[in-house]
Amino acid sequence: MFVRSVSFRLILFSTAWIALALVVGAVALSQIFRTHVEKSFDKALNSHIEELLSFSDVVNGKLVMPRHPRDPDYLRPLSGWYWEIAINGEPAMRSRSLWDQVLNLEKMPRPE
């Protein structure tokens, strides 16, 4: 008898709609957050690349970098933030954080 009442059906349908709205909202917010994080990482990475390019110059056929990037992570050894400039596949300059390692571009993940 209680199952056929209007109030029970109203509560049941309201609960179902609220649950659906919460799931859709969670998926949408998750996607928005992921997109925001990816865009801000890409923007920061492009900023670092532009900084490296602006500090690099070729003088008498040789690559020189009178100033190095300002980010202290590039100075701290094994910090996880590295840069390397290669000419014809051979490393020409690299960050101090890379220590005595050489980046192996063949093992690097490729962007999709």
C-alpha atoms as a PDB file:
ATOM      1  CA  MET A   1       0.000   0.000   0.000  1.00  0.00           C
ATOM      2  CA  PHE A   2       2.867   2.380   0.881  1.00  0.00           C
ATOM      3  CA  VAL A   3       4.578   1.683  -2.480  1.00  0.00           C
ATOM      4  CA  ARG A   4       1.582   3.051  -4.391  1.00  0.00           C
ATOM      5  CA  SER A   5       1.430   6.319  -2.469  1.00  0.00           C
ATOM      6  CA  VAL A   6       2.238   9.582  -4.223  1.00  0.00           C
ATOM      7  CA  SER A   7       4.686  10.679  -1.550  1.00  0.00           C
ATOM      8  CA  PHE A   8       6.722   7.441  -1.876  1.00  0.00           C
ATOM      9  CA  ARG A   9       6.921   7.786  -5.662  1.00  0.00           C
ATOM     10  CA  LEU A  10       7.877  11.460  -5.334  1.00  0.00           C
ATOM     11  CA  ILE A  11      10.670  10.605  -2.895  1.00  0.00           C
ATOM     12  CA  LEU A  12      11.862   7.729  -5.112  1.00  0.00           C
ATOM     13  CA  PHE A  13      11.971   9.813  -8.303  1.00  0.00           C
ATOM     14  CA  SER A  14      13.528  12.782  -6.499  1.00  0.00           C
ATOM     15  CA  THR A  15      16.253  10.536  -5.093  1.00  0.00           C
ATOM     16  CA  ALA A  16      16.934   9.078  -8.542  1.00  0.00           C
ATOM     17  CA  TRP A  17      17.151  12.540 -10.163  1.00  0.00           C
ATOM     18  CA  ILE A  18      19.437  13.848  -7.404  1.00  0.00           C
ATOM     19  CA  ALA A  19      21.720  10.813  -7.745  1.00  0.00           C
ATOM     20  CA  LEU A  20      21.861  11.270 -11.525  1.00  0.00           C
ATOM     21  CA  ALA A  21      22.587  14.998 -11.143  1.00  0.00           C
ATOM     22  CA  LEU A  22      25.393  14.258  -8.677  1.00  0.00           C
ATOM     23  CA  VAL A  23      26.998  11.716 -11.016  1.00  0.00           C
ATOM     24  CA  VAL A  24      26.763  14.033 -14.046  1.00  0.00           C
ATOM     25  CA  GLY A  25      28.079  16.945 -11.978  1.00  0.00           C
ATOM     26  CA  ALA A  26      31.002  14.893 -10.664  1.00  0.00           C
ATOM     27  CA  VAL A  27      31.975  13.761 -14.178  1.00  0.00           C
ATOM     28  CA  ALA A  28      31.690  17.310 -15.543  1.00  0.00           C
ATOM     29  CA  LEU A  29      33.711  18.846 -12.707  1.00  0.00           C
ATOM     30  CA  SER A  30      36.363  16.157 -13.029  1.00  0.00           C
ATOM     31  CA  GLN A  31      36.727  16.844 -16.749  1.00  0.00           C
ATOM     32  CA  ILE A  32      36.838  20.614 -16.225  1.00  0.00           C
ATOM     33  CA  PHE A  33      39.527  20.227 -13.549  1.00  0.00           C
ATOM     34  CA  ARG A  34      41.587  17.883 -15.727  1.00  0.00           C
ATOM     35  CA  THR A  35      41.398  20.297 -18.665  1.00  0.00           C
ATOM     36  CA  HIS A  36      42.396  23.229 -16.458  1.00  0.00           C
ATOM     37  CA  VAL A  37      45.406  21.386 -15.008  1.00  0.00           C
ATOM     38  CA  GLU A  38      46.592  20.244 -18.440  1.00  0.00           C
ATOM     39  CA  LYS A  39      46.256  23.740 -19.915  1.00  0.00           C
ATOM     40  CA  SER A  40      48.074  25.397 -17.037  1.00  0.00           C
ATOM     41  CA  PHE A  41      50.891  22.807 -17.224  1.00  0.00           C
ATOM     42  CA  ASP A  42      51.191  23.344 -20.990  1.00  0.00           C
ATOM     43  CA  LYS A  43      51.267  27.105 -20.477  1.00  0.00           C
ATOM     44  CA  ALA A  44      54.023  26.836 -17.848  1.00  0.00           C
ATOM     45  CA  LEU A  45      56.009  24.445 -20.029  1.00  0.00           C
ATOM     46  CA  ASN A  46      55.745  26.775 -23.035  1.00  0.00           C
ATOM     47  CA  SER A  47      56.911  29.634 -20.832  1.00  0.00           C
ATOM     48  CA  HIS A  48      60.002  27.639 -19.822  1.00  0.00           C
ATOM     49  CA  ILE A  49      60.720  26.751 -23.458  1.00  0.00           C
ATOM     50  CA  GLU A  50      60.402  30.379 -24.555  1.00  0.00           C
ATOM     51  CA  GLU A  51      62.728  31.425 -21.732  1.00  0.00           C
ATOM     52  CA  LEU A  52      65.337  28.883 -22.838  1.00  0.00           C
ATOM     53  CA  LEU A  53      65.065  30.015 -26.441  1.00  0.00           C
ATOM     54  CA  SER A  54      65.361  33.670 -25.515  1.00  0.00           C
ATOM     55  CA  PHE A  55      68.528  33.028 -23.468  1.00  0.00           C
ATOM     56  CA  SER A  56      70.170  30.942 -26.230  1.00  0.00           C
ATOM     57  CA  ASP A  57      72.179  32.365 -29.053  1.00  0.00           C
ATOM     58  CA  VAL A  58      74.604  31.156 -31.704  1.00  0.00           C
ATOM     59  CA  VAL A  59      77.916  33.030 -31.796  1.00  0.00           C
ATOM     60  CA  ASN A  60      80.563  32.036 -34.347  1.00  0.00           C
ATOM     61  CA  GLY A  61      78.707  28.814 -35.048  1.00  0.00           C
ATOM     62  CA  LYS A  62      78.670  27.807 -31.383  1.00  0.00           C
ATOM     63  CA  LEU A  63      75.693  27.767 -29.033  1.00  0.00           C
ATOM     64  CA  VAL A  64      76.058  30.098 -26.058  1.00  0.00           C
ATOM     65  CA  MET A  65      73.776  30.904 -23.178  1.00  0.00           C
ATOM     66  CA  PRO A  66      74.954  34.016 -21.308  1.00  0.00           C
ATOM     67  CA  ARG A  67      72.046  33.733 -18.850  1.00  0.00           C
ATOM     68  CA  HIS A  68      70.453  30.571 -17.550  1.00  0.00           C
ATOM     69  CA  PRO A  69      66.774  30.098 -16.651  1.00  0.00           C
ATOM     70  CA  ARG A  70      65.713  31.692 -13.381  1.00  0.00           C
ATOM     71  CA  ASP A  71      63.816  28.715 -11.995  1.00  0.00           C
ATOM     72  CA  PRO A  72      65.886  27.287  -9.088  1.00  0.00           C
ATOM     73  CA  ASP A  73      64.661  23.772  -9.878  1.00  0.00           C
ATOM     74  CA  TYR A  74      66.953  23.828 -12.919  1.00  0.00           C
ATOM     75  CA  LEU A  75      69.946  24.325 -10.625  1.00  0.00           C
ATOM     76  CA  ARG A  76      69.185  21.709  -7.966  1.00  0.00           C
ATOM     77  CA  PRO A  77      70.704  18.342  -8.988  1.00  0.00           C
ATOM     78  CA  LEU A  78      68.211  15.586  -9.765  1.00  0.00           C
ATOM     79  CA  SER A  79      65.230  17.876  -9.084  1.00  0.00           C
ATOM     80  CA  GLY A  80      63.130  16.342 -11.853  1.00  0.00           C
ATOM     81  CA  TRP A  81      63.137  19.585 -13.878  1.00  0.00           C
ATOM     82  CA  TYR A  82      65.664  19.323 -16.707  1.00  0.00           C
ATOM     83  CA  TRP A  83      66.437  20.977 -19.991  1.00  0.00           C
ATOM     84  CA  GLU A  84      68.864  20.059 -22.703  1.00  0.00           C
ATOM     85  CA  ILE A  85      69.591  21.669 -26.031  1.00  0.00           C
ATOM     86  CA  ALA A  86      70.807  19.221 -28.659  1.00  0.00           C
ATOM     87  CA  ILE A  87      72.299  20.014 -32.045  1.00  0.00           C
ATOM     88  CA  ASN A  88      72.121  17.206 -34.615  1.00  0.00           C
ATOM     89  CA  GLY A  89      71.213  14.809 -31.821  1.00  0.00           C
ATOM     90  CA  GLU A  90      74.268  15.706 -29.733  1.00  0.00           C
ATOM     91  CA  PRO A  91      73.791  17.559 -26.418  1.00  0.00           C
ATOM     92  CA  ALA A  92      75.160  21.104 -26.670  1.00  0.00           C
ATOM     93  CA  MET A  93      73.943  22.531 -23.334  1.00  0.00           C
ATOM     94  CA  ARG A  94      71.975  21.200 -20.395  1.00  0.00           C
ATOM     95  CA  SER A  95      70.678  22.218 -17.015  1.00  0.00           C
ATOM     96  CA  ARG A  96      72.718  21.787 -13.869  1.00  0.00           C
ATOM     97  CA  SER A  97      69.868  19.721 -12.425  1.00  0.00           C
ATOM     98  CA  LEU A  98      70.606  17.047 -15.023  1.00  0.00           C
ATOM     99  CA  TRP A  99      73.950  16.549 -13.254  1.00  0.00           C
ATOM    100  CA  ASP A 100      76.109  14.291 -15.439  1.00  0.00           C
ATOM    101  CA  GLN A 101      73.221  12.550 -17.195  1.00  0.00           C
ATOM    102  CA  VAL A 102      72.117  12.915 -20.801  1.00  0.00           C
ATOM    103  CA  LEU A 103      68.431  12.918 -21.683  1.00  0.00           C
ATOM    104  CA  ASN A 104      67.481   9.890 -23.761  1.00  0.00           C
ATOM    105  CA  LEU A 105      64.816  11.268 -26.083  1.00  0.00           C
ATOM    106  CA  GLU A 106      64.091   7.825 -27.507  1.00  0.00           C
ATOM    107  CA  LYS A 107      62.656   6.715 -24.145  1.00  0.00           C
ATOM    108  CA  MET A 108      60.664   9.914 -23.596  1.00  0.00           C
ATOM    109  CA  PRO A 109      56.876   9.608 -23.875  1.00  0.00           C
ATOM    110  CA  ARG A 110      55.495  11.307 -26.962  1.00  0.00           C
ATOM    111  CA  PRO A 111      52.565  13.721 -26.625  1.00  0.00           C
ATOM    112  CA  GLU A 112      49.324  12.424 -28.054  1.00  0.00           C
END
